[in-house]
Amino acid sequence: VVDSDDDDNLTYFGDPLLIIEWNETGLVQRNVQKNTVVNYIRTFQGCNPFPSDGRPPSDSLFYIVDTPNIHAQQIINNIIYGLQRTYLHRNIPSLGRVYTVVAERKNRFEATEIFPVFSLIAF
């Protein structure tokens, strides 16, 4: 028999979400197509569409899962590194802000902003 109160103490550490809060003005000013960035992110093995229930996938939410060879957090690190190499520049408008969200415990999530990713100045 499992005590339902014990469920609150379980550690989950579920698969993380990678979230991008797009700066539409920065995309236009830098002449970057959002779809180009989204397609790049989706090329990574372990990056799954979100939601995955048949609706069109979000261009801001990416569900990252472990693969047989790479842990989900390393996949996120690889995505961020690639985005930085391509889009991180000084003194130009940012394309947006990047976050990860991980379920730590039941009804408890940890959100972390990752920076810098798209620019060395804030938008």
PDB file of N, CA and C in Angstrom:
ATOM      1  N   VAL A   1       0.849  -1.171   0.000  1.00  0.00           N
ATOM      2  CA  VAL A   1       0.000   0.000   0.000  1.00  0.00           C
ATOM      3  C   VAL A   1       0.893   1.233   0.000  1.00  0.00           C
ATOM      4  N   VAL A   2       0.567   2.176  -0.875  1.00  0.00           N
ATOM      5  CA  VAL A   2       1.339   3.410  -0.968  1.00  0.00           C
ATOM      6  C   VAL A   2       0.555   4.527  -0.313  1.00  0.00           C
ATOM      7  N   ASP A   3       1.192   5.222   0.591  1.00  0.00           N
ATOM      8  CA  ASP A   3       0.566   6.360   1.248  1.00  0.00           C
ATOM      9  C   ASP A   3       0.597   7.531   0.279  1.00  0.00           C
ATOM     10  N   SER A   4      -0.568   8.115   0.025  1.00  0.00           N
ATOM     11  CA  SER A   4      -0.631   9.207  -0.951  1.00  0.00           C
ATOM     12  C   SER A   4       0.178  10.413  -0.505  1.00  0.00           C
ATOM     13  N   ASP A   5       0.403  10.568   0.804  1.00  0.00           N
ATOM     14  CA  ASP A   5       1.229  11.675   1.275  1.00  0.00           C
ATOM     15  C   ASP A   5       2.682  11.497   0.851  1.00  0.00           C
ATOM     16  N   ASP A   6       3.121  10.244   0.715  1.00  0.00           N
ATOM     17  CA  ASP A   6       4.490   9.987   0.284  1.00  0.00           C
ATOM     18  C   ASP A   6       4.725  10.462  -1.140  1.00  0.00           C
ATOM     19  N   ASP A   7       3.669  10.519  -1.933  1.00  0.00           N
ATOM     20  CA  ASP A   7       3.787  10.951  -3.324  1.00  0.00           C
ATOM     21  C   ASP A   7       4.354  12.365  -3.423  1.00  0.00           C
ATOM     22  N   ASP A   8       4.063  13.205  -2.431  1.00  0.00           N
ATOM     23  CA  ASP A   8       4.559  14.576  -2.437  1.00  0.00           C
ATOM     24  C   ASP A   8       6.063  14.641  -2.223  1.00  0.00           C
ATOM     25  N   ASN A   9       6.652  13.601  -1.675  1.00  0.00           N
ATOM     26  CA  ASN A   9       8.076  13.597  -1.375  1.00  0.00           C
ATOM     27  C   ASN A   9       8.927  12.927  -2.450  1.00  0.00           C
ATOM     28  N   LEU A  10       8.290  12.379  -3.468  1.00  0.00           N
ATOM     29  CA  LEU A  10       9.040  11.734  -4.540  1.00  0.00           C
ATOM     30  C   LEU A  10       9.807  12.773  -5.344  1.00  0.00           C
ATOM     31  N   THR A  11      10.997  12.421  -5.745  1.00  0.00           N
ATOM     32  CA  THR A  11      11.772  13.276  -6.629  1.00  0.00           C
ATOM     33  C   THR A  11      11.538  12.811  -8.053  1.00  0.00           C
ATOM     34  N   TYR A  12      11.103  13.719  -8.919  1.00  0.00           N
ATOM     35  CA  TYR A  12      10.748  13.347 -10.274  1.00  0.00           C
ATOM     36  C   TYR A  12      11.891  13.551 -11.258  1.00  0.00           C
ATOM     37  N   PHE A  13      12.419  14.750 -11.348  1.00  0.00           N
ATOM     38  CA  PHE A  13      13.416  15.107 -12.349  1.00  0.00           C
ATOM     39  C   PHE A  13      13.001  14.592 -13.718  1.00  0.00           C
ATOM     40  N   GLY A  14      11.830  15.025 -14.146  1.00  0.00           N
ATOM     41  CA  GLY A  14      11.310  14.639 -15.446  1.00  0.00           C
ATOM     42  C   GLY A  14      12.100  15.272 -16.567  1.00  0.00           C
ATOM     43  N   ASP A  15      11.729  14.918 -17.768  1.00  0.00           N
ATOM     44  CA  ASP A  15      12.402  15.464 -18.942  1.00  0.00           C
ATOM     45  C   ASP A  15      12.165  16.968 -19.010  1.00  0.00           C
ATOM     46  N   PRO A  16      13.204  17.727 -19.319  1.00  0.00           N
ATOM     47  CA  PRO A  16      13.075  19.182 -19.304  1.00  0.00           C
ATOM     48  C   PRO A  16      12.386  19.733 -20.552  1.00  0.00           C
ATOM     49  N   LEU A  17      11.839  20.920 -20.376  1.00  0.00           N
ATOM     50  CA  LEU A  17      11.344  21.713 -21.491  1.00  0.00           C
ATOM     51  C   LEU A  17      12.369  22.796 -21.773  1.00  0.00           C
ATOM     52  N   LEU A  18      12.594  23.076 -23.035  1.00  0.00           N
ATOM     53  CA  LEU A  18      13.371  24.228 -23.461  1.00  0.00           C
ATOM     54  C   LEU A  18      12.348  25.225 -23.972  1.00  0.00           C
ATOM     55  N   ILE A  19      12.363  26.436 -23.442  1.00  0.00           N
ATOM     56  CA  ILE A  19      11.356  27.440 -23.774  1.00  0.00           C
ATOM     57  C   ILE A  19      12.049  28.685 -24.303  1.00  0.00           C
ATOM     58  N   ILE A  20      11.527  29.208 -25.405  1.00  0.00           N
ATOM     59  CA  ILE A  20      12.049  30.456 -25.957  1.00  0.00           C
ATOM     60  C   ILE A  20      10.948  31.504 -25.929  1.00  0.00           C
ATOM     61  N   GLU A  21      11.248  32.630 -25.296  1.00  0.00           N
ATOM     62  CA  GLU A  21      10.373  33.797 -25.315  1.00  0.00           C
ATOM     63  C   GLU A  21      10.922  34.701 -26.424  1.00  0.00           C
ATOM     64  N   TRP A  22      10.289  34.657 -27.573  1.00  0.00           N
ATOM     65  CA  TRP A  22      10.798  35.346 -28.755  1.00  0.00           C
ATOM     66  C   TRP A  22      10.661  36.863 -28.641  1.00  0.00           C
ATOM     67  N   ASN A  23      11.653  37.568 -29.145  1.00  0.00           N
ATOM     68  CA  ASN A  23      11.606  39.018 -29.296  1.00  0.00           C
ATOM     69  C   ASN A  23      11.330  39.278 -30.775  1.00  0.00           C
ATOM     70  N   GLU A  24      10.065  39.455 -31.110  1.00  0.00           N
ATOM     71  CA  GLU A  24       9.666  39.611 -32.515  1.00  0.00           C
ATOM     72  C   GLU A  24      10.362  40.800 -33.165  1.00  0.00           C
ATOM     73  N   THR A  25      10.531  41.889 -32.421  1.00  0.00           N
ATOM     74  CA  THR A  25      11.211  43.069 -32.966  1.00  0.00           C
ATOM     75  C   THR A  25      12.663  42.744 -33.296  1.00  0.00           C
ATOM     76  N   GLY A  26      13.333  42.017 -32.408  1.00  0.00           N
ATOM     77  CA  GLY A  26      14.721  41.621 -32.650  1.00  0.00           C
ATOM     78  C   GLY A  26      14.855  40.720 -33.864  1.00  0.00           C
ATOM     79  N   LEU A  27      13.909  39.806 -34.048  1.00  0.00           N
ATOM     80  CA  LEU A  27      13.926  38.937 -35.233  1.00  0.00           C
ATOM     81  C   LEU A  27      13.857  39.771 -36.505  1.00  0.00           C
ATOM     82  N   VAL A  28      12.956  40.755 -36.524  1.00  0.00           N
ATOM     83  CA  VAL A  28      12.795  41.609 -37.710  1.00  0.00           C
ATOM     84  C   VAL A  28      14.045  42.460 -37.915  1.00  0.00           C
ATOM     85  N   GLN A  29      14.544  43.089 -36.852  1.00  0.00           N
ATOM     86  CA  GLN A  29      15.711  43.967 -36.965  1.00  0.00           C
ATOM     87  C   GLN A  29      16.956  43.224 -37.428  1.00  0.00           C
ATOM     88  N   ARG A  30      17.079  41.970 -37.047  1.00  0.00           N
ATOM     89  CA  ARG A  30      18.254  41.184 -37.440  1.00  0.00           C
ATOM     90  C   ARG A  30      17.997  40.346 -38.685  1.00  0.00           C
ATOM     91  N   ASN A  31      16.795  40.434 -39.222  1.00  0.00           N
ATOM     92  CA  ASN A  31      16.417  39.701 -40.435  1.00  0.00           C
ATOM     93  C   ASN A  31      16.634  38.192 -40.264  1.00  0.00           C
ATOM     94  N   VAL A  32      16.198  37.680 -39.114  1.00  0.00           N
ATOM     95  CA  VAL A  32      16.297  36.251 -38.816  1.00  0.00           C
ATOM     96  C   VAL A  32      14.890  35.673 -38.832  1.00  0.00           C
ATOM     97  N   GLN A  33      14.712  34.585 -39.552  1.00  0.00           N
ATOM     98  CA  GLN A  33      13.422  33.908 -39.596  1.00  0.00           C
ATOM     99  C   GLN A  33      13.311  32.972 -38.394  1.00  0.00           C
ATOM    100  N   LYS A  34      12.266  33.153 -37.608  1.00  0.00           N
ATOM    101  CA  LYS A  34      12.040  32.304 -36.440  1.00  0.00           C
ATOM    102  C   LYS A  34      12.031  30.830 -36.837  1.00  0.00           C
ATOM    103  N   ASN A  35      11.421  30.530 -37.976  1.00  0.00           N
ATOM    104  CA  ASN A  35      11.318  29.145 -38.425  1.00  0.00           C
ATOM    105  C   ASN A  35      12.698  28.513 -38.652  1.00  0.00           C
ATOM    106  N   THR A  36      13.668  29.309 -39.073  1.00  0.00           N
ATOM    107  CA  THR A  36      15.030  28.807 -39.268  1.00  0.00           C
ATOM    108  C   THR A  36      15.626  28.350 -37.936  1.00  0.00           C
ATOM    109  N   VAL A  37      15.434  29.151 -36.900  1.00  0.00           N
ATOM    110  CA  VAL A  37      15.953  28.812 -35.573  1.00  0.00           C
ATOM    111  C   VAL A  37      15.226  27.581 -35.024  1.00  0.00           C
ATOM    112  N   VAL A  38      13.902  27.563 -35.173  1.00  0.00           N
ATOM    113  CA  VAL A  38      13.092  26.442 -34.681  1.00  0.00           C
ATOM    114  C   VAL A  38      13.498  25.143 -35.373  1.00  0.00           C
ATOM    115  N   ASN A  39      13.668  25.193 -36.691  1.00  0.00           N
ATOM    116  CA  ASN A  39      14.068  23.989 -37.433  1.00  0.00           C
ATOM    117  C   ASN A  39      15.438  23.496 -36.986  1.00  0.00           C
ATOM    118  N   TYR A  40      16.359  24.424 -36.701  1.00  0.00           N
ATOM    119  CA  TYR A  40      17.676  24.034 -36.200  1.00  0.00           C
ATOM    120  C   TYR A  40      17.535  23.280 -34.873  1.00  0.00           C
ATOM    121  N   ILE A  41      16.742  23.818 -33.958  1.00  0.00           N
ATOM    122  CA  ILE A  41      16.551  23.181 -32.651  1.00  0.00           C
ATOM    123  C   ILE A  41      15.976  21.780 -32.823  1.00  0.00           C
ATOM    124  N   ARG A  42      15.019  21.647 -33.715  1.00  0.00           N
ATOM    125  CA  ARG A  42      14.342  20.358 -33.908  1.00  0.00           C
ATOM    126  C   ARG A  42      15.224  19.301 -34.572  1.00  0.00           C
ATOM    127  N   THR A  43      16.385  19.694 -35.110  1.00  0.00           N
ATOM    128  CA  THR A  43      17.275  18.699 -35.723  1.00  0.00           C
ATOM    129  C   THR A  43      17.981  17.839 -34.681  1.00  0.00           C
ATOM    130  N   PHE A  44      17.983  18.260 -33.431  1.00  0.00           N
ATOM    131  CA  PHE A  44      18.702  17.521 -32.391  1.00  0.00           C
ATOM    132  C   PHE A  44      17.925  16.281 -31.981  1.00  0.00           C
ATOM    133  N   GLN A  45      18.617  15.153 -31.998  1.00  0.00           N
ATOM    134  CA  GLN A  45      18.019  13.910 -31.521  1.00  0.00           C
ATOM    135  C   GLN A  45      17.666  14.095 -30.051  1.00  0.00           C
ATOM    136  N   GLY A  46      16.457  13.710 -29.678  1.00  0.00           N
ATOM    137  CA  GLY A  46      15.992  13.887 -28.310  1.00  0.00           C
ATOM    138  C   GLY A  46      15.105  15.102 -28.140  1.00  0.00           C
ATOM    139  N   CYS A  47      15.053  15.964 -29.154  1.00  0.00           N
ATOM    140  CA  CYS A  47      14.176  17.133 -29.127  1.00  0.00           C
ATOM    141  C   CYS A  47      12.865  16.741 -29.799  1.00  0.00           C
ATOM    142  N   ASN A  48      11.795  16.749 -29.026  1.00  0.00           N
ATOM    143  CA  ASN A  48      10.502  16.300 -29.523  1.00  0.00           C
ATOM    144  C   ASN A  48       9.520  17.457 -29.634  1.00  0.00           C
ATOM    145  N   PRO A  49       8.573  17.340 -30.570  1.00  0.00           N
ATOM    146  CA  PRO A  49       7.560  18.392 -30.689  1.00  0.00           C
ATOM    147  C   PRO A  49       6.723  18.482 -29.416  1.00  0.00           C
ATOM    148  N   PHE A  50       6.285  19.675 -29.132  1.00  0.00           N
ATOM    149  CA  PHE A  50       5.405  19.888 -27.987  1.00  0.00           C
ATOM    150  C   PHE A  50       4.304  20.826 -28.414  1.00  0.00           C
ATOM    151  N   PRO A  51       3.069  20.499 -28.257  1.00  0.00           N
ATOM    152  CA  PRO A  51       2.572  19.224 -27.749  1.00  0.00           C
ATOM    153  C   PRO A  51       2.713  18.132 -28.800  1.00  0.00           C
ATOM    154  N   SER A  52       2.583  16.905 -28.377  1.00  0.00           N
ATOM    155  CA  SER A  52       2.747  15.776 -29.300  1.00  0.00           C
ATOM    156  C   SER A  52       1.424  15.057 -29.541  1.00  0.00           C
ATOM    157  N   ASP A  53       0.331  15.773 -29.375  1.00  0.00           N
ATOM    158  CA  ASP A  53      -0.990  15.146 -29.493  1.00  0.00           C
ATOM    159  C   ASP A  53      -1.648  15.385 -30.849  1.00  0.00           C
ATOM    160  N   GLY A  54      -0.865  15.687 -31.860  1.00  0.00           N
ATOM    161  CA  GLY A  54      -1.411  15.882 -33.199  1.00  0.00           C
ATOM    162  C   GLY A  54      -1.658  17.336 -33.545  1.00  0.00           C
ATOM    163  N   ARG A  55      -1.663  18.217 -32.560  1.00  0.00           N
ATOM    164  CA  ARG A  55      -1.802  19.647 -32.846  1.00  0.00           C
ATOM    165  C   ARG A  55      -0.479  20.166 -33.406  1.00  0.00           C
ATOM    166  N   PRO A  56      -0.515  21.305 -34.096  1.00  0.00           N
ATOM    167  CA  PRO A  56       0.748  21.866 -34.603  1.00  0.00           C
ATOM    168  C   PRO A  56       1.721  22.113 -33.449  1.00  0.00           C
ATOM    169  N   PRO A  57       2.986  21.752 -33.640  1.00  0.00           N
ATOM    170  CA  PRO A  57       3.956  21.939 -32.554  1.00  0.00           C
ATOM    171  C   PRO A  57       4.218  23.419 -32.295  1.00  0.00           C
ATOM    172  N   SER A  58       4.525  23.721 -31.064  1.00  0.00           N
ATOM    173  CA  SER A  58       4.835  25.085 -30.656  1.00  0.00           C
ATOM    174  C   SER A  58       6.176  25.514 -31.239  1.00  0.00           C
ATOM    175  N   ASP A  59       6.306  26.808 -31.512  1.00  0.00           N
ATOM    176  CA  ASP A  59       7.605  27.331 -31.934  1.00  0.00           C
ATOM    177  C   ASP A  59       8.363  27.928 -30.742  1.00  0.00           C
ATOM    178  N   SER A  60       7.826  27.714 -29.540  1.00  0.00           N
ATOM    179  CA  SER A  60       8.455  28.235 -28.331  1.00  0.00           C
ATOM    180  C   SER A  60       8.765  27.166 -27.285  1.00  0.00           C
ATOM    181  N   LEU A  61       8.109  26.019 -27.371  1.00  0.00           N
ATOM    182  CA  LEU A  61       8.288  24.946 -26.390  1.00  0.00           C
ATOM    183  C   LEU A  61       8.867  23.713 -27.060  1.00  0.00           C
ATOM    184  N   PHE A  62       9.930  23.168 -26.452  1.00  0.00           N
ATOM    185  CA  PHE A  62      10.588  21.984 -26.987  1.00  0.00           C
ATOM    186  C   PHE A  62      10.780  21.001 -25.836  1.00  0.00           C
ATOM    187  N   TYR A  63      10.316  19.784 -26.027  1.00  0.00           N
ATOM    188  CA  TYR A  63      10.367  18.726 -25.021  1.00  0.00           C
ATOM    189  C   TYR A  63      11.617  17.897 -25.291  1.00  0.00           C
ATOM    190  N   ILE A  64      12.542  17.867 -24.336  1.00  0.00           N
ATOM    191  CA  ILE A  64      13.836  17.215 -24.523  1.00  0.00           C
ATOM    192  C   ILE A  64      13.876  15.933 -23.685  1.00  0.00           C
ATOM    193  N   VAL A  65      14.250  14.825 -24.324  1.00  0.00           N
ATOM    194  CA  VAL A  65      14.319  13.538 -23.623  1.00  0.00           C
ATOM    195  C   VAL A  65      15.711  12.930 -23.784  1.00  0.00           C
ATOM    196  N   ASP A  66      16.067  12.083 -22.825  1.00  0.00           N
ATOM    197  CA  ASP A  66      17.324  11.340 -22.923  1.00  0.00           C
ATOM    198  C   ASP A  66      17.299  10.463 -24.167  1.00  0.00           C
ATOM    199  N   THR A  67      18.448  10.304 -24.787  1.00  0.00           N
ATOM    200  CA  THR A  67      18.605   9.335 -25.866  1.00  0.00           C
ATOM    201  C   THR A  67      19.526   8.238 -25.326  1.00  0.00           C
ATOM    202  N   PRO A  68      19.688   7.133 -26.053  1.00  0.00           N
ATOM    203  CA  PRO A  68      20.573   6.076 -25.542  1.00  0.00           C
ATOM    204  C   PRO A  68      21.998   6.557 -25.255  1.00  0.00           C
ATOM    205  N   ASN A  69      22.451   7.590 -25.975  1.00  0.00           N
ATOM    206  CA  ASN A  69      23.841   8.031 -25.828  1.00  0.00           C
ATOM    207  C   ASN A  69      24.017   9.385 -25.160  1.00  0.00           C
ATOM    208  N   ILE A  70      22.943  10.182 -25.064  1.00  0.00           N
ATOM    209  CA  ILE A  70      23.086  11.552 -24.560  1.00  0.00           C
ATOM    210  C   ILE A  70      21.956  11.865 -23.582  1.00  0.00           C
ATOM    211  N   HIS A  71      22.327  12.398 -22.429  1.00  0.00           N
ATOM    212  CA  HIS A  71      21.360  12.816 -21.417  1.00  0.00           C
ATOM    213  C   HIS A  71      20.659  14.092 -21.916  1.00  0.00           C
ATOM    214  N   ALA A  72      19.412  14.287 -21.527  1.00  0.00           N
ATOM    215  CA  ALA A  72      18.609  15.431 -21.980  1.00  0.00           C
ATOM    216  C   ALA A  72      19.297  16.761 -21.688  1.00  0.00           C
ATOM    217  N   GLN A  73      19.925  16.896 -20.514  1.00  0.00           N
ATOM    218  CA  GLN A  73      20.580  18.164 -20.194  1.00  0.00           C
ATOM    219  C   GLN A  73      21.747  18.431 -21.139  1.00  0.00           C
ATOM    220  N   GLN A  74      22.460  17.402 -21.563  1.00  0.00           N
ATOM    221  CA  GLN A  74      23.545  17.594 -22.525  1.00  0.00           C
ATOM    222  C   GLN A  74      22.989  18.004 -23.881  1.00  0.00           C
ATOM    223  N   ILE A  75      21.832  17.473 -24.260  1.00  0.00           N
ATOM    224  CA  ILE A  75      21.196  17.878 -25.519  1.00  0.00           C
ATOM    225  C   ILE A  75      20.866  19.363 -25.464  1.00  0.00           C
ATOM    226  N   ILE A  76      20.324  19.819 -24.332  1.00  0.00           N
ATOM    227  CA  ILE A  76      20.041  21.250 -24.183  1.00  0.00           C
ATOM    228  C   ILE A  76      21.330  22.054 -24.292  1.00  0.00           C
ATOM    229  N   ASN A  77      22.390  21.606 -23.634  1.00  0.00           N
ATOM    230  CA  ASN A  77      23.679  22.309 -23.725  1.00  0.00           C
ATOM    231  C   ASN A  77      24.159  22.386 -25.168  1.00  0.00           C
ATOM    232  N   ASN A  78      24.001  21.307 -25.922  1.00  0.00           N
ATOM    233  CA  ASN A  78      24.419  21.295 -27.326  1.00  0.00           C
ATOM    234  C   ASN A  78      23.584  22.265 -28.157  1.00  0.00           C
ATOM    235  N   ILE A  79      22.281  22.306 -27.912  1.00  0.00           N
ATOM    236  CA  ILE A  79      21.408  23.246 -28.628  1.00  0.00           C
ATOM    237  C   ILE A  79      21.836  24.679 -28.328  1.00  0.00           C
ATOM    238  N   ILE A  80      22.040  24.990 -27.047  1.00  0.00           N
ATOM    239  CA  ILE A  80      22.430  26.345 -26.643  1.00  0.00           C
ATOM    240  C   ILE A  80      23.763  26.725 -27.272  1.00  0.00           C
ATOM    241  N   TYR A  81      24.719  25.819 -27.257  1.00  0.00           N
ATOM    242  CA  TYR A  81      26.031  26.096 -27.855  1.00  0.00           C
ATOM    243  C   TYR A  81      25.883  26.426 -29.338  1.00  0.00           C
ATOM    244  N   GLY A  82      25.083  25.654 -30.050  1.00  0.00           N
ATOM    245  CA  GLY A  82      24.866  25.914 -31.468  1.00  0.00           C
ATOM    246  C   GLY A  82      24.183  27.248 -31.712  1.00  0.00           C
ATOM    247  N   LEU A  83      23.198  27.579 -30.888  1.00  0.00           N
ATOM    248  CA  LEU A  83      22.515  28.872 -31.026  1.00  0.00           C
ATOM    249  C   LEU A  83      23.482  30.019 -30.746  1.00  0.00           C
ATOM    250  N   GLN A  84      24.309  29.872 -29.725  1.00  0.00           N
ATOM    251  CA  GLN A  84      25.283  30.915 -29.405  1.00  0.00           C
ATOM    252  C   GLN A  84      26.278  31.110 -30.541  1.00  0.00           C
ATOM    253  N   ARG A  85      26.774  30.033 -31.103  1.00  0.00           N
ATOM    254  CA  ARG A  85      27.746  30.141 -32.203  1.00  0.00           C
ATOM    255  C   ARG A  85      27.148  30.861 -33.408  1.00  0.00           C
ATOM    256  N   THR A  86      25.859  30.692 -33.623  1.00  0.00           N
ATOM    257  CA  THR A  86      25.215  31.281 -34.792  1.00  0.00           C
ATOM    258  C   THR A  86      24.663  32.677 -34.523  1.00  0.00           C
ATOM    259  N   TYR A  87      24.061  32.890 -33.358  1.00  0.00           N
ATOM    260  CA  TYR A  87      23.274  34.110 -33.148  1.00  0.00           C
ATOM    261  C   TYR A  87      23.764  35.033 -32.042  1.00  0.00           C
ATOM    262  N   LEU A  88      24.750  34.640 -31.254  1.00  0.00           N
ATOM    263  CA  LEU A  88      25.208  35.483 -30.150  1.00  0.00           C
ATOM    264  C   LEU A  88      26.180  36.533 -30.673  1.00  0.00           C
ATOM    265  N   HIS A  89      25.762  37.785 -30.607  1.00  0.00           N
ATOM    266  CA  HIS A  89      26.589  38.907 -31.057  1.00  0.00           C
ATOM    267  C   HIS A  89      26.471  40.039 -30.042  1.00  0.00           C
ATOM    268  N   ARG A  90      27.446  40.921 -30.057  1.00  0.00           N
ATOM    269  CA  ARG A  90      27.445  42.069 -29.146  1.00  0.00           C
ATOM    270  C   ARG A  90      26.669  43.237 -29.742  1.00  0.00           C
ATOM    271  N   ASN A  91      26.003  43.958 -28.844  1.00  0.00           N
ATOM    272  CA  ASN A  91      25.381  45.245 -29.159  1.00  0.00           C
ATOM    273  C   ASN A  91      24.400  45.222 -30.320  1.00  0.00           C
ATOM    274  N   ILE A  92      23.673  44.154 -30.445  1.00  0.00           N
ATOM    275  CA  ILE A  92      22.588  44.094 -31.421  1.00  0.00           C
ATOM    276  C   ILE A  92      21.359  43.531 -30.712  1.00  0.00           C
ATOM    277  N   PRO A  93      20.181  43.759 -31.270  1.00  0.00           N
ATOM    278  CA  PRO A  93      18.969  43.287 -30.585  1.00  0.00           C
ATOM    279  C   PRO A  93      18.970  41.772 -30.391  1.00  0.00           C
ATOM    280  N   SER A  94      18.454  41.370 -29.253  1.00  0.00           N
ATOM    281  CA  SER A  94      18.332  39.947 -28.939  1.00  0.00           C
ATOM    282  C   SER A  94      17.177  39.338 -29.716  1.00  0.00           C
ATOM    283  N   LEU A  95      17.286  38.055 -30.002  1.00  0.00           N
ATOM    284  CA  LEU A  95      16.186  37.329 -30.641  1.00  0.00           C
ATOM    285  C   LEU A  95      15.193  36.827 -29.601  1.00  0.00           C
ATOM    286  N   GLY A  96      15.565  36.855 -28.335  1.00  0.00           N
ATOM    287  CA  GLY A  96      14.655  36.400 -27.291  1.00  0.00           C
ATOM    288  C   GLY A  96      15.401  35.899 -26.073  1.00  0.00           C
ATOM    289  N   ARG A  97      14.635  35.317 -25.176  1.00  0.00           N
ATOM    290  CA  ARG A  97      15.182  34.764 -23.940  1.00  0.00           C
ATOM    291  C   ARG A  97      14.930  33.264 -23.932  1.00  0.00           C
ATOM    292  N   VAL A  98      15.835  32.519 -23.302  1.00  0.00           N
ATOM    293  CA  VAL A  98      15.762  31.059 -23.303  1.00  0.00           C
ATOM    294  C   VAL A  98      15.707  30.559 -21.854  1.00  0.00           C
ATOM    295  N   TYR A  99      14.811  29.599 -21.623  1.00  0.00           N
ATOM    296  CA  TYR A  99      14.608  29.029 -20.291  1.00  0.00           C
ATOM    297  C   TYR A  99      14.573  27.507 -20.379  1.00  0.00           C
ATOM    298  N   THR A 100      14.886  26.862 -19.268  1.00  0.00           N
ATOM    299  CA  THR A 100      14.589  25.438 -19.111  1.00  0.00           C
ATOM    300  C   THR A 100      13.651  25.306 -17.923  1.00  0.00           C
ATOM    301  N   VAL A 101      12.773  24.322 -18.007  1.00  0.00           N
ATOM    302  CA  VAL A 101      11.856  24.019 -16.905  1.00  0.00           C
ATOM    303  C   VAL A 101      11.923  22.520 -16.655  1.00  0.00           C
ATOM    304  N   VAL A 102      12.134  22.152 -15.385  1.00  0.00           N
ATOM    305  CA  VAL A 102      12.224  20.746 -14.999  1.00  0.00           C
ATOM    306  C   VAL A 102      11.287  20.513 -13.815  1.00  0.00           C
ATOM    307  N   ALA A 103      10.542  19.404 -13.858  1.00  0.00           N
ATOM    308  CA  ALA A 103       9.706  19.015 -12.721  1.00  0.00           C
ATOM    309  C   ALA A 103      10.607  18.380 -11.673  1.00  0.00           C
ATOM    310  N   GLU A 104      10.686  19.011 -10.508  1.00  0.00           N
ATOM    311  CA  GLU A 104      11.508  18.475  -9.423  1.00  0.00           C
ATOM    312  C   GLU A 104      10.723  17.524  -8.540  1.00  0.00           C
ATOM    313  N   ARG A 105       9.561  17.945  -8.144  1.00  0.00           N
ATOM    314  CA  ARG A 105       8.672  17.165  -7.288  1.00  0.00           C
ATOM    315  C   ARG A 105       7.250  17.396  -7.769  1.00  0.00           C
ATOM    316  N   LYS A 106       6.339  16.641  -7.233  1.00  0.00           N
ATOM    317  CA  LYS A 106       4.938  16.808  -7.602  1.00  0.00           C
ATOM    318  C   LYS A 106       4.526  18.265  -7.365  1.00  0.00           C
ATOM    319  N   ASN A 107       3.989  18.883  -8.388  1.00  0.00           N
ATOM    320  CA  ASN A 107       3.521  20.276  -8.342  1.00  0.00           C
ATOM    321  C   ASN A 107       4.636  21.285  -8.064  1.00  0.00           C
ATOM    322  N   ARG A 108       5.877  20.929  -8.345  1.00  0.00           N
ATOM    323  CA  ARG A 108       6.991  21.854  -8.134  1.00  0.00           C
ATOM    324  C   ARG A 108       7.911  21.790  -9.343  1.00  0.00           C
ATOM    325  N   PHE A 109       8.173  22.953  -9.928  1.00  0.00           N
ATOM    326  CA  PHE A 109       9.004  23.038 -11.116  1.00  0.00           C
ATOM    327  C   PHE A 109      10.130  24.024 -10.877  1.00  0.00           C
ATOM    328  N   GLU A 110      11.245  23.764 -11.520  1.00  0.00           N
ATOM    329  CA  GLU A 110      12.361  24.697 -11.454  1.00  0.00           C
ATOM    330  C   GLU A 110      12.554  25.297 -12.834  1.00  0.00           C
ATOM    331  N   ALA A 111      12.452  26.621 -12.915  1.00  0.00           N
ATOM    332  CA  ALA A 111      12.664  27.338 -14.174  1.00  0.00           C
ATOM    333  C   ALA A 111      13.977  28.104 -14.064  1.00  0.00           C
ATOM    334  N   THR A 112      14.787  28.012 -15.107  1.00  0.00           N
ATOM    335  CA  THR A 112      16.086  28.670 -15.130  1.00  0.00           C
ATOM    336  C   THR A 112      16.258  29.387 -16.455  1.00  0.00           C
ATOM    337  N   GLU A 113      16.664  30.653 -16.390  1.00  0.00           N
ATOM    338  CA  GLU A 113      16.978  31.368 -17.630  1.00  0.00           C
ATOM    339  C   GLU A 113      18.421  31.063 -17.999  1.00  0.00           C
ATOM    340  N   ILE A 114      18.631  30.802 -19.276  1.00  0.00           N
ATOM    341  CA  ILE A 114      19.974  30.546 -19.794  1.00  0.00           C
ATOM    342  C   ILE A 114      20.397  31.790 -20.564  1.00  0.00           C
ATOM    343  N   PHE A 115      21.532  32.359 -20.212  1.00  0.00           N
ATOM    344  CA  PHE A 115      22.000  33.536 -20.931  1.00  0.00           C
ATOM    345  C   PHE A 115      23.515  33.599 -20.887  1.00  0.00           C
ATOM    346  N   PRO A 116      24.106  34.281 -21.807  1.00  0.00           N
ATOM    347  CA  PRO A 116      23.500  34.859 -23.006  1.00  0.00           C
ATOM    348  C   PRO A 116      23.355  33.785 -24.083  1.00  0.00           C
ATOM    349  N   VAL A 117      22.305  33.896 -24.867  1.00  0.00           N
ATOM    350  CA  VAL A 117      22.109  32.972 -25.983  1.00  0.00           C
ATOM    351  C   VAL A 117      22.069  33.734 -27.296  1.00  0.00           C
ATOM    352  N   PHE A 118      21.252  34.778 -27.366  1.00  0.00           N
ATOM    353  CA  PHE A 118      21.040  35.470 -28.637  1.00  0.00           C
ATOM    354  C   PHE A 118      21.709  36.840 -28.726  1.00  0.00           C
ATOM    355  N   SER A 119      22.121  37.424 -27.622  1.00  0.00           N
ATOM    356  CA  SER A 119      22.750  38.736 -27.651  1.00  0.00           C
ATOM    357  C   SER A 119      23.412  38.995 -26.307  1.00  0.00           C
ATOM    358  N   LEU A 120      24.400  39.862 -26.313  1.00  0.00           N
ATOM    359  CA  LEU A 120      25.082  40.226 -25.075  1.00  0.00           C
ATOM    360  C   LEU A 120      24.477  41.470 -24.443  1.00  0.00           C
ATOM    361  N   ILE A 121      23.320  41.918 -24.954  1.00  0.00           N
ATOM    362  CA  ILE A 121      22.563  42.994 -24.320  1.00  0.00           C
ATOM    363  C   ILE A 121      21.141  42.504 -24.115  1.00  0.00           C
ATOM    364  N   ALA A 122      20.442  43.075 -23.159  1.00  0.00           N
ATOM    365  CA  ALA A 122      19.043  42.690 -22.910  1.00  0.00           C
ATOM    366  C   ALA A 122      18.139  43.403 -23.903  1.00  0.00           C
ATOM    367  N   PHE A 123      16.974  42.800 -24.150  1.00  0.00           N
ATOM    368  CA  PHE A 123      16.005  43.483 -25.022  1.00  0.00           C
ATOM    369  C   PHE A 123      14.904  44.070 -24.200  1.00  0.00           C
TER     370      PHE A 123
END
